[in-house]
Amino acid sequence: MDPDVPLRDARTFVQENLATGVRCPCCGSWLNTYSRRLNRAKVRELQALYRWADDNDTLHDYFHVPTTGISLRNREYPKLRFWQLLEARDPEIGSGDGTGWWRLTPGGVAFVRGNLRLPNRVLEFRSQVLGFDPEAELVDVHAALLDDSIDPED
C-alpha cells in the first residue's frame, strides 16, 4: 500500500482482509483471525477445575490455578474465557497482580453439569473475541468432549 494512503483506508483494507489473513500496511505485522474450538482438551481442563473447586468449596470463588496441583497438561484453560466459562480475576482486586487467579462462571458450572449448550467455535483476534464463528454448531459438554481437534497455532 502506498505510504501516503490515509490511515482510515489502511484500517478498511485490514478489516476487509482479516478473515483470510493480511499483512498490516502500516507496520508489516501478519494479522489474522482464528477460529478457536471448544474441544476435548479445553473441556477436560474445565472439568478438572470444576472438580477441584467443588471439592474445595470454592465453586464460586477465585482460586490460584498454578497452586491447585491440578495436572493441566495442555494449558488450554485460559481460552475458556472466550466462551465465558472461566473468568480471570481483575488485577486491581486483592493483593498481587492477579495472575493465575480464575473462577468458574455460572455458565461454566452449567456447561460442566450438562445444562448449557454453546457454539463450538469463536473467532479470536489478538486474544479478543470477535464473536461466534457463523458456522459454529451448538454443543453440550458431551459433544465437546468428542472433539479432538486442535487450534490453528497450538
N, C-alpha and C. Protein backbone atom coordinates (compact mmCIF):
# COMPACT_ATOMS: atom_id res chain seq x y z
N MET A 1 0.85 -1.18 0.00
CA MET A 1 0.00 0.00 0.00
C MET A 1 0.89 1.24 0.00
N ASP A 2 0.47 2.22 -0.68
CA ASP A 2 1.20 3.48 -0.77
C ASP A 2 1.31 4.13 0.61
N PRO A 3 2.51 4.61 1.01
CA PRO A 3 2.67 5.23 2.33
C PRO A 3 1.84 6.49 2.52
N ASP A 4 1.36 7.07 1.45
CA ASP A 4 0.54 8.29 1.56
C ASP A 4 -0.95 8.01 1.71
N VAL A 5 -1.32 6.73 1.75
CA VAL A 5 -2.73 6.36 1.90
C VAL A 5 -3.18 6.73 3.32
N PRO A 6 -4.34 7.33 3.46
CA PRO A 6 -4.84 7.69 4.80
C PRO A 6 -5.02 6.47 5.70
N LEU A 7 -4.84 6.68 6.99
CA LEU A 7 -4.96 5.60 7.97
C LEU A 7 -6.32 4.92 7.91
N ARG A 8 -7.38 5.65 7.69
CA ARG A 8 -8.72 5.04 7.61
C ARG A 8 -8.79 4.04 6.46
N ASP A 9 -8.10 4.32 5.36
CA ASP A 9 -8.09 3.39 4.23
C ASP A 9 -7.30 2.13 4.58
N ALA A 10 -6.21 2.30 5.33
CA ALA A 10 -5.42 1.15 5.77
C ALA A 10 -6.26 0.28 6.71
N ARG A 11 -7.00 0.91 7.62
CA ARG A 11 -7.87 0.16 8.54
C ARG A 11 -8.93 -0.62 7.77
N THR A 12 -9.54 0.04 6.80
CA THR A 12 -10.56 -0.62 5.99
C THR A 12 -9.97 -1.81 5.26
N PHE A 13 -8.79 -1.64 4.70
CA PHE A 13 -8.11 -2.72 4.00
C PHE A 13 -7.88 -3.92 4.92
N VAL A 14 -7.41 -3.65 6.15
CA VAL A 14 -7.16 -4.73 7.11
C VAL A 14 -8.47 -5.41 7.48
N GLN A 15 -9.50 -4.64 7.80
CA GLN A 15 -10.79 -5.23 8.19
C GLN A 15 -11.37 -6.10 7.08
N GLU A 16 -11.23 -5.67 5.86
CA GLU A 16 -11.78 -6.43 4.74
C GLU A 16 -11.03 -7.73 4.48
N ASN A 17 -9.78 -7.80 4.89
CA ASN A 17 -8.94 -8.96 4.59
C ASN A 17 -8.54 -9.78 5.81
N LEU A 18 -9.02 -9.39 6.98
CA LEU A 18 -8.60 -10.03 8.22
C LEU A 18 -8.97 -11.50 8.29
N ALA A 19 -10.11 -11.87 7.78
CA ALA A 19 -10.58 -13.26 7.87
C ALA A 19 -9.64 -14.24 7.16
N THR A 20 -9.02 -13.79 6.09
CA THR A 20 -8.12 -14.68 5.34
C THR A 20 -6.66 -14.44 5.68
N GLY A 21 -6.39 -13.41 6.47
CA GLY A 21 -5.03 -13.07 6.84
C GLY A 21 -4.50 -11.96 5.95
N VAL A 22 -3.82 -11.00 6.57
CA VAL A 22 -3.34 -9.84 5.83
C VAL A 22 -2.11 -9.26 6.52
N ARG A 23 -1.20 -8.72 5.74
CA ARG A 23 -0.05 -8.02 6.29
C ARG A 23 -0.48 -6.56 6.51
N CYS A 24 -0.28 -6.04 7.69
CA CYS A 24 -0.66 -4.67 8.01
C CYS A 24 0.14 -3.71 7.13
N PRO A 25 -0.56 -2.83 6.42
CA PRO A 25 0.16 -1.90 5.56
C PRO A 25 0.92 -0.83 6.34
N CYS A 26 0.63 -0.69 7.62
CA CYS A 26 1.30 0.33 8.43
C CYS A 26 2.57 -0.19 9.11
N CYS A 27 2.47 -1.39 9.70
CA CYS A 27 3.60 -1.90 10.48
C CYS A 27 4.20 -3.19 9.93
N GLY A 28 3.53 -3.84 9.01
CA GLY A 28 4.05 -5.05 8.42
C GLY A 28 3.73 -6.33 9.19
N SER A 29 3.01 -6.23 10.31
CA SER A 29 2.65 -7.42 11.09
C SER A 29 1.65 -8.28 10.34
N TRP A 30 1.74 -9.60 10.54
CA TRP A 30 0.74 -10.50 9.97
C TRP A 30 -0.46 -10.52 10.89
N LEU A 31 -1.62 -10.26 10.34
CA LEU A 31 -2.86 -10.20 11.11
C LEU A 31 -3.83 -11.24 10.58
N ASN A 32 -4.48 -11.93 11.51
CA ASN A 32 -5.40 -12.99 11.12
C ASN A 32 -6.36 -13.25 12.26
N THR A 33 -7.58 -13.65 11.94
CA THR A 33 -8.50 -14.13 12.97
C THR A 33 -8.34 -15.64 13.04
N TYR A 34 -8.61 -16.18 14.21
CA TYR A 34 -8.53 -17.62 14.41
C TYR A 34 -9.87 -18.12 14.89
N SER A 35 -10.27 -19.25 14.37
CA SER A 35 -11.48 -19.92 14.82
C SER A 35 -11.06 -20.91 15.89
N ARG A 36 -11.33 -20.57 17.13
CA ARG A 36 -10.95 -21.41 18.27
C ARG A 36 -12.08 -22.38 18.58
N ARG A 37 -11.72 -23.63 18.80
CA ARG A 37 -12.72 -24.67 19.06
C ARG A 37 -12.85 -24.94 20.55
N LEU A 38 -14.05 -25.22 20.95
CA LEU A 38 -14.31 -25.71 22.30
C LEU A 38 -14.11 -27.22 22.21
N ASN A 39 -12.87 -27.65 22.40
CA ASN A 39 -12.51 -29.04 22.13
C ASN A 39 -12.28 -29.83 23.41
N ARG A 40 -11.92 -31.08 23.22
CA ARG A 40 -11.71 -32.02 24.33
C ARG A 40 -10.70 -31.50 25.35
N ALA A 41 -9.58 -30.98 24.89
CA ALA A 41 -8.53 -30.51 25.81
C ALA A 41 -9.06 -29.40 26.71
N LYS A 42 -9.78 -28.46 26.14
CA LYS A 42 -10.32 -27.35 26.94
C LYS A 42 -11.36 -27.86 27.94
N VAL A 43 -12.25 -28.73 27.47
CA VAL A 43 -13.34 -29.21 28.33
C VAL A 43 -12.79 -30.09 29.45
N ARG A 44 -11.81 -30.91 29.17
CA ARG A 44 -11.21 -31.72 30.25
C ARG A 44 -10.60 -30.84 31.34
N GLU A 45 -9.95 -29.78 30.92
CA GLU A 45 -9.37 -28.86 31.91
C GLU A 45 -10.46 -28.14 32.68
N LEU A 46 -11.54 -27.76 32.01
CA LEU A 46 -12.67 -27.14 32.70
C LEU A 46 -13.25 -28.10 33.73
N GLN A 47 -13.40 -29.35 33.35
CA GLN A 47 -13.92 -30.36 34.28
C GLN A 47 -13.00 -30.53 35.49
N ALA A 48 -11.69 -30.55 35.24
CA ALA A 48 -10.73 -30.70 36.33
C ALA A 48 -10.80 -29.51 37.28
N LEU A 49 -10.92 -28.31 36.74
CA LEU A 49 -11.04 -27.12 37.58
C LEU A 49 -12.35 -27.13 38.36
N TYR A 50 -13.42 -27.58 37.70
CA TYR A 50 -14.71 -27.69 38.37
C TYR A 50 -14.63 -28.67 39.55
N ARG A 51 -14.05 -29.86 39.31
CA ARG A 51 -13.93 -30.86 40.38
C ARG A 51 -13.13 -30.32 41.55
N TRP A 52 -12.01 -29.66 41.25
CA TRP A 52 -11.17 -29.12 42.32
C TRP A 52 -11.94 -28.06 43.11
N ALA A 53 -12.57 -27.14 42.40
CA ALA A 53 -13.31 -26.07 43.07
C ALA A 53 -14.48 -26.62 43.89
N ASP A 54 -15.17 -27.61 43.36
CA ASP A 54 -16.30 -28.21 44.07
C ASP A 54 -15.80 -28.95 45.32
N ASP A 55 -14.73 -29.71 45.18
CA ASP A 55 -14.16 -30.44 46.33
C ASP A 55 -13.65 -29.51 47.42
N ASN A 56 -13.21 -28.32 47.04
CA ASN A 56 -12.63 -27.37 47.99
C ASN A 56 -13.58 -26.24 48.37
N ASP A 57 -14.85 -26.42 48.07
CA ASP A 57 -15.88 -25.42 48.40
C ASP A 57 -15.54 -24.02 47.91
N THR A 58 -14.94 -23.94 46.73
CA THR A 58 -14.61 -22.64 46.14
C THR A 58 -15.25 -22.51 44.76
N LEU A 59 -16.38 -23.15 44.57
CA LEU A 59 -17.00 -23.20 43.25
C LEU A 59 -17.32 -21.81 42.70
N HIS A 60 -17.58 -20.85 43.57
CA HIS A 60 -17.95 -19.51 43.11
C HIS A 60 -16.89 -18.47 43.46
N ASP A 61 -15.74 -18.94 43.92
CA ASP A 61 -14.66 -18.04 44.32
C ASP A 61 -13.48 -18.17 43.36
N TYR A 62 -12.64 -17.14 43.36
CA TYR A 62 -11.40 -17.22 42.59
C TYR A 62 -10.44 -18.15 43.31
N PHE A 63 -9.69 -18.91 42.56
CA PHE A 63 -8.64 -19.75 43.14
C PHE A 63 -7.41 -19.66 42.25
N HIS A 64 -6.26 -19.87 42.87
CA HIS A 64 -4.99 -19.73 42.17
C HIS A 64 -4.66 -21.06 41.48
N VAL A 65 -4.92 -21.12 40.19
CA VAL A 65 -4.80 -22.37 39.42
C VAL A 65 -3.41 -22.99 39.53
N PRO A 66 -2.31 -22.22 39.42
CA PRO A 66 -0.98 -22.86 39.47
C PRO A 66 -0.68 -23.59 40.78
N THR A 67 -1.35 -23.24 41.87
CA THR A 67 -1.07 -23.89 43.15
C THR A 67 -2.10 -24.95 43.53
N THR A 68 -3.02 -25.28 42.63
CA THR A 68 -4.04 -26.29 42.95
C THR A 68 -3.49 -27.70 42.87
N GLY A 69 -2.44 -27.89 42.10
CA GLY A 69 -1.90 -29.24 41.90
C GLY A 69 -2.62 -29.99 40.80
N ILE A 70 -3.54 -29.33 40.10
CA ILE A 70 -4.26 -29.96 39.01
C ILE A 70 -3.32 -30.11 37.82
N SER A 71 -3.32 -31.28 37.22
CA SER A 71 -2.50 -31.50 36.03
C SER A 71 -3.21 -30.92 34.81
N LEU A 72 -2.71 -29.79 34.33
CA LEU A 72 -3.29 -29.10 33.18
C LEU A 72 -2.25 -29.12 32.06
N ARG A 73 -2.06 -30.26 31.52
CA ARG A 73 -1.01 -30.54 30.56
C ARG A 73 -1.05 -29.66 29.32
N ASN A 74 -2.23 -29.37 28.83
CA ASN A 74 -2.34 -28.60 27.59
C ASN A 74 -2.39 -27.09 27.80
N ARG A 75 -2.64 -26.65 29.01
CA ARG A 75 -2.74 -25.22 29.33
C ARG A 75 -3.73 -24.49 28.42
N GLU A 76 -4.86 -25.13 28.21
CA GLU A 76 -5.91 -24.57 27.37
C GLU A 76 -6.92 -23.74 28.17
N TYR A 77 -6.90 -23.88 29.48
CA TYR A 77 -7.97 -23.28 30.28
C TYR A 77 -8.12 -21.76 30.12
N PRO A 78 -7.06 -20.95 29.90
CA PRO A 78 -7.32 -19.52 29.75
C PRO A 78 -8.23 -19.19 28.55
N LYS A 79 -8.23 -20.02 27.53
CA LYS A 79 -9.07 -19.77 26.37
C LYS A 79 -10.55 -19.99 26.67
N LEU A 80 -10.86 -20.65 27.78
CA LEU A 80 -12.26 -20.87 28.14
C LEU A 80 -12.98 -19.55 28.43
N ARG A 81 -12.21 -18.50 28.66
CA ARG A 81 -12.83 -17.18 28.85
C ARG A 81 -13.53 -16.71 27.59
N PHE A 82 -13.11 -17.22 26.42
CA PHE A 82 -13.74 -16.83 25.16
C PHE A 82 -15.22 -17.23 25.13
N TRP A 83 -15.57 -18.29 25.85
CA TRP A 83 -16.98 -18.75 25.93
C TRP A 83 -17.62 -18.30 27.23
N GLN A 84 -16.91 -17.52 28.01
CA GLN A 84 -17.37 -17.05 29.32
C GLN A 84 -17.64 -18.21 30.27
N LEU A 85 -16.79 -19.23 30.20
CA LEU A 85 -16.88 -20.37 31.10
C LEU A 85 -15.97 -20.19 32.31
N LEU A 86 -14.88 -19.46 32.12
CA LEU A 86 -13.96 -19.09 33.19
C LEU A 86 -13.77 -17.59 33.16
N GLU A 87 -13.43 -17.05 34.32
CA GLU A 87 -13.21 -15.62 34.43
C GLU A 87 -11.92 -15.38 35.21
N ALA A 88 -11.05 -14.55 34.66
CA ALA A 88 -9.81 -14.19 35.35
C ALA A 88 -10.12 -13.09 36.36
N ARG A 89 -9.40 -13.13 37.47
CA ARG A 89 -9.59 -12.09 38.48
C ARG A 89 -8.98 -10.79 38.01
N ASP A 90 -9.68 -9.70 38.25
CA ASP A 90 -9.18 -8.37 37.94
C ASP A 90 -7.94 -8.11 38.80
N PRO A 91 -6.83 -7.71 38.19
CA PRO A 91 -5.60 -7.49 38.96
C PRO A 91 -5.74 -6.40 40.01
N GLU A 92 -6.75 -5.56 39.90
CA GLU A 92 -6.96 -4.50 40.89
C GLU A 92 -7.60 -5.02 42.18
N ILE A 93 -8.12 -6.25 42.13
CA ILE A 93 -8.78 -6.84 43.29
C ILE A 93 -7.77 -7.69 44.05
N GLY A 94 -7.68 -7.48 45.34
CA GLY A 94 -6.81 -8.30 46.17
C GLY A 94 -5.35 -7.93 46.01
N SER A 95 -4.51 -8.70 46.67
CA SER A 95 -3.07 -8.42 46.62
C SER A 95 -2.44 -9.11 45.42
N GLY A 96 -1.31 -8.64 45.01
CA GLY A 96 -0.61 -9.25 43.88
C GLY A 96 -1.16 -8.75 42.55
N ASP A 97 -0.69 -9.34 41.49
CA ASP A 97 -1.08 -8.88 40.16
C ASP A 97 -2.29 -9.61 39.60
N GLY A 98 -2.80 -10.61 40.28
CA GLY A 98 -3.97 -11.32 39.82
C GLY A 98 -3.67 -12.48 38.89
N THR A 99 -2.43 -12.60 38.45
CA THR A 99 -2.07 -13.66 37.51
C THR A 99 -2.33 -15.03 38.12
N GLY A 100 -3.00 -15.87 37.35
CA GLY A 100 -3.25 -17.24 37.78
C GLY A 100 -4.53 -17.44 38.57
N TRP A 101 -5.22 -16.38 38.90
CA TRP A 101 -6.46 -16.47 39.68
C TRP A 101 -7.65 -16.52 38.73
N TRP A 102 -8.42 -17.59 38.85
CA TRP A 102 -9.56 -17.82 37.97
C TRP A 102 -10.74 -18.33 38.79
N ARG A 103 -11.93 -18.18 38.22
CA ARG A 103 -13.11 -18.82 38.80
C ARG A 103 -14.03 -19.27 37.68
N LEU A 104 -14.81 -20.28 37.98
CA LEU A 104 -15.82 -20.73 37.04
C LEU A 104 -16.98 -19.74 37.07
N THR A 105 -17.51 -19.45 35.92
CA THR A 105 -18.69 -18.58 35.85
C THR A 105 -19.93 -19.46 36.06
N PRO A 106 -21.08 -18.86 36.30
CA PRO A 106 -22.30 -19.66 36.36
C PRO A 106 -22.50 -20.47 35.07
N GLY A 107 -22.15 -19.88 33.93
CA GLY A 107 -22.23 -20.61 32.67
C GLY A 107 -21.27 -21.78 32.62
N GLY A 108 -20.07 -21.61 33.20
CA GLY A 108 -19.09 -22.70 33.25
C GLY A 108 -19.60 -23.86 34.07
N VAL A 109 -20.22 -23.55 35.20
CA VAL A 109 -20.79 -24.60 36.05
C VAL A 109 -21.92 -25.31 35.31
N ALA A 110 -22.80 -24.53 34.69
CA ALA A 110 -23.93 -25.12 33.96
C ALA A 110 -23.43 -25.99 32.80
N PHE A 111 -22.38 -25.55 32.10
CA PHE A 111 -21.85 -26.31 30.97
C PHE A 111 -21.29 -27.65 31.45
N VAL A 112 -20.48 -27.63 32.50
CA VAL A 112 -19.89 -28.87 33.03
C VAL A 112 -20.98 -29.83 33.49
N ARG A 113 -22.04 -29.30 34.06
CA ARG A 113 -23.14 -30.14 34.55
C ARG A 113 -24.06 -30.62 33.42
N GLY A 114 -23.80 -30.18 32.19
CA GLY A 114 -24.60 -30.62 31.06
C GLY A 114 -25.88 -29.84 30.85
N ASN A 115 -25.98 -28.66 31.47
CA ASN A 115 -27.19 -27.85 31.39
C ASN A 115 -27.10 -26.67 30.44
N LEU A 116 -26.05 -26.62 29.62
CA LEU A 116 -25.87 -25.48 28.73
C LEU A 116 -25.21 -25.95 27.44
N ARG A 117 -25.72 -25.44 26.35
CA ARG A 117 -25.10 -25.70 25.04
C ARG A 117 -24.54 -24.38 24.52
N LEU A 118 -23.39 -24.47 23.88
CA LEU A 118 -22.70 -23.28 23.38
C LEU A 118 -22.20 -23.51 21.95
N PRO A 119 -22.00 -22.44 21.19
CA PRO A 119 -21.34 -22.59 19.90
C PRO A 119 -19.94 -23.18 20.11
N ASN A 120 -19.56 -24.11 19.27
CA ASN A 120 -18.28 -24.79 19.49
C ASN A 120 -17.07 -24.02 18.97
N ARG A 121 -17.30 -22.86 18.32
CA ARG A 121 -16.15 -22.09 17.84
C ARG A 121 -16.39 -20.59 18.00
N VAL A 122 -15.33 -19.90 18.41
CA VAL A 122 -15.34 -18.44 18.48
C VAL A 122 -14.29 -17.90 17.53
N LEU A 123 -14.49 -16.69 17.10
CA LEU A 123 -13.48 -16.01 16.29
C LEU A 123 -12.68 -15.11 17.22
N GLU A 124 -11.36 -15.28 17.16
CA GLU A 124 -10.46 -14.57 18.07
C GLU A 124 -9.43 -13.80 17.26
N PHE A 125 -9.16 -12.59 17.72
CA PHE A 125 -8.11 -11.77 17.13
C PHE A 125 -7.35 -11.11 18.26
N ARG A 126 -6.07 -11.43 18.34
CA ARG A 126 -5.19 -10.87 19.38
C ARG A 126 -5.80 -10.99 20.78
N SER A 127 -6.23 -12.19 21.11
CA SER A 127 -6.78 -12.54 22.42
C SER A 127 -8.12 -11.88 22.73
N GLN A 128 -8.77 -11.33 21.75
CA GLN A 128 -10.08 -10.73 21.93
C GLN A 128 -11.10 -11.50 21.09
N VAL A 129 -12.24 -11.79 21.67
CA VAL A 129 -13.30 -12.49 20.94
C VAL A 129 -14.04 -11.50 20.06
N LEU A 130 -14.16 -11.85 18.80
CA LEU A 130 -14.92 -11.03 17.85
C LEU A 130 -16.37 -11.49 17.79
N GLY A 131 -16.63 -12.70 18.25
CA GLY A 131 -17.97 -13.28 18.22
C GLY A 131 -17.88 -14.75 17.91
N PHE A 132 -19.01 -15.37 17.82
CA PHE A 132 -19.03 -16.78 17.48
C PHE A 132 -18.87 -16.96 15.98
N ASP A 133 -18.17 -18.01 15.61
CA ASP A 133 -18.00 -18.36 14.20
C ASP A 133 -19.38 -18.63 13.62
N PRO A 134 -19.73 -18.02 12.49
CA PRO A 134 -21.07 -18.23 11.92
C PRO A 134 -21.36 -19.68 11.54
N GLU A 135 -20.32 -20.49 11.39
CA GLU A 135 -20.52 -21.90 11.04
C GLU A 135 -20.47 -22.81 12.27
N ALA A 136 -20.42 -22.22 13.46
CA ALA A 136 -20.32 -23.00 14.69
C ALA A 136 -21.59 -23.80 14.94
N GLU A 137 -21.39 -24.97 15.54
CA GLU A 137 -22.51 -25.81 15.97
C GLU A 137 -22.70 -25.64 17.47
N LEU A 138 -23.92 -25.78 17.93
CA LEU A 138 -24.17 -25.77 19.37
C LEU A 138 -23.80 -27.13 19.93
N VAL A 139 -23.02 -27.12 21.01
CA VAL A 139 -22.59 -28.38 21.63
C VAL A 139 -22.81 -28.32 23.13
N ASP A 140 -23.02 -29.49 23.71
CA ASP A 140 -23.03 -29.60 25.16
C ASP A 140 -21.68 -30.19 25.57
N VAL A 141 -21.50 -30.41 26.85
CA VAL A 141 -20.22 -30.90 27.35
C VAL A 141 -19.85 -32.24 26.72
N HIS A 142 -20.82 -33.11 26.51
CA HIS A 142 -20.54 -34.44 25.96
C HIS A 142 -20.07 -34.36 24.51
N ALA A 143 -20.73 -33.53 23.71
CA ALA A 143 -20.32 -33.37 22.31
C ALA A 143 -18.95 -32.71 22.22
N ALA A 144 -18.67 -31.73 23.08
CA ALA A 144 -17.37 -31.06 23.06
C ALA A 144 -16.24 -32.03 23.41
N LEU A 145 -16.52 -32.99 24.28
CA LEU A 145 -15.51 -33.98 24.66
C LEU A 145 -15.14 -34.91 23.50
N LEU A 146 -15.99 -34.99 22.50
CA LEU A 146 -15.70 -35.83 21.34
C LEU A 146 -14.79 -35.12 20.33
N ASP A 147 -14.63 -33.80 20.47
CA ASP A 147 -13.84 -33.02 19.52
C ASP A 147 -12.37 -33.07 19.92
N ASP A 148 -11.58 -33.82 19.16
CA ASP A 148 -10.15 -33.95 19.49
C ASP A 148 -9.27 -33.08 18.58
N SER A 149 -9.87 -32.10 17.92
CA SER A 149 -9.10 -31.19 17.06
C SER A 149 -8.28 -30.23 17.90
N ILE A 150 -7.32 -29.56 17.26
CA ILE A 150 -6.53 -28.56 17.95
C ILE A 150 -6.72 -27.22 17.26
N ASP A 151 -6.39 -26.16 17.97
CA ASP A 151 -6.49 -24.81 17.40
C ASP A 151 -5.33 -24.56 16.45
N PRO A 152 -5.49 -23.64 15.50
CA PRO A 152 -4.52 -23.46 14.42
C PRO A 152 -3.08 -23.17 14.87
N GLU A 153 -2.88 -22.41 15.90
CA GLU A 153 -1.49 -22.08 16.25
C GLU A 153 -1.01 -22.79 17.51
N ASP A 154 -1.74 -23.78 17.96
CA ASP A 154 -1.32 -24.54 19.16
C ASP A 154 -0.43 -25.69 18.79
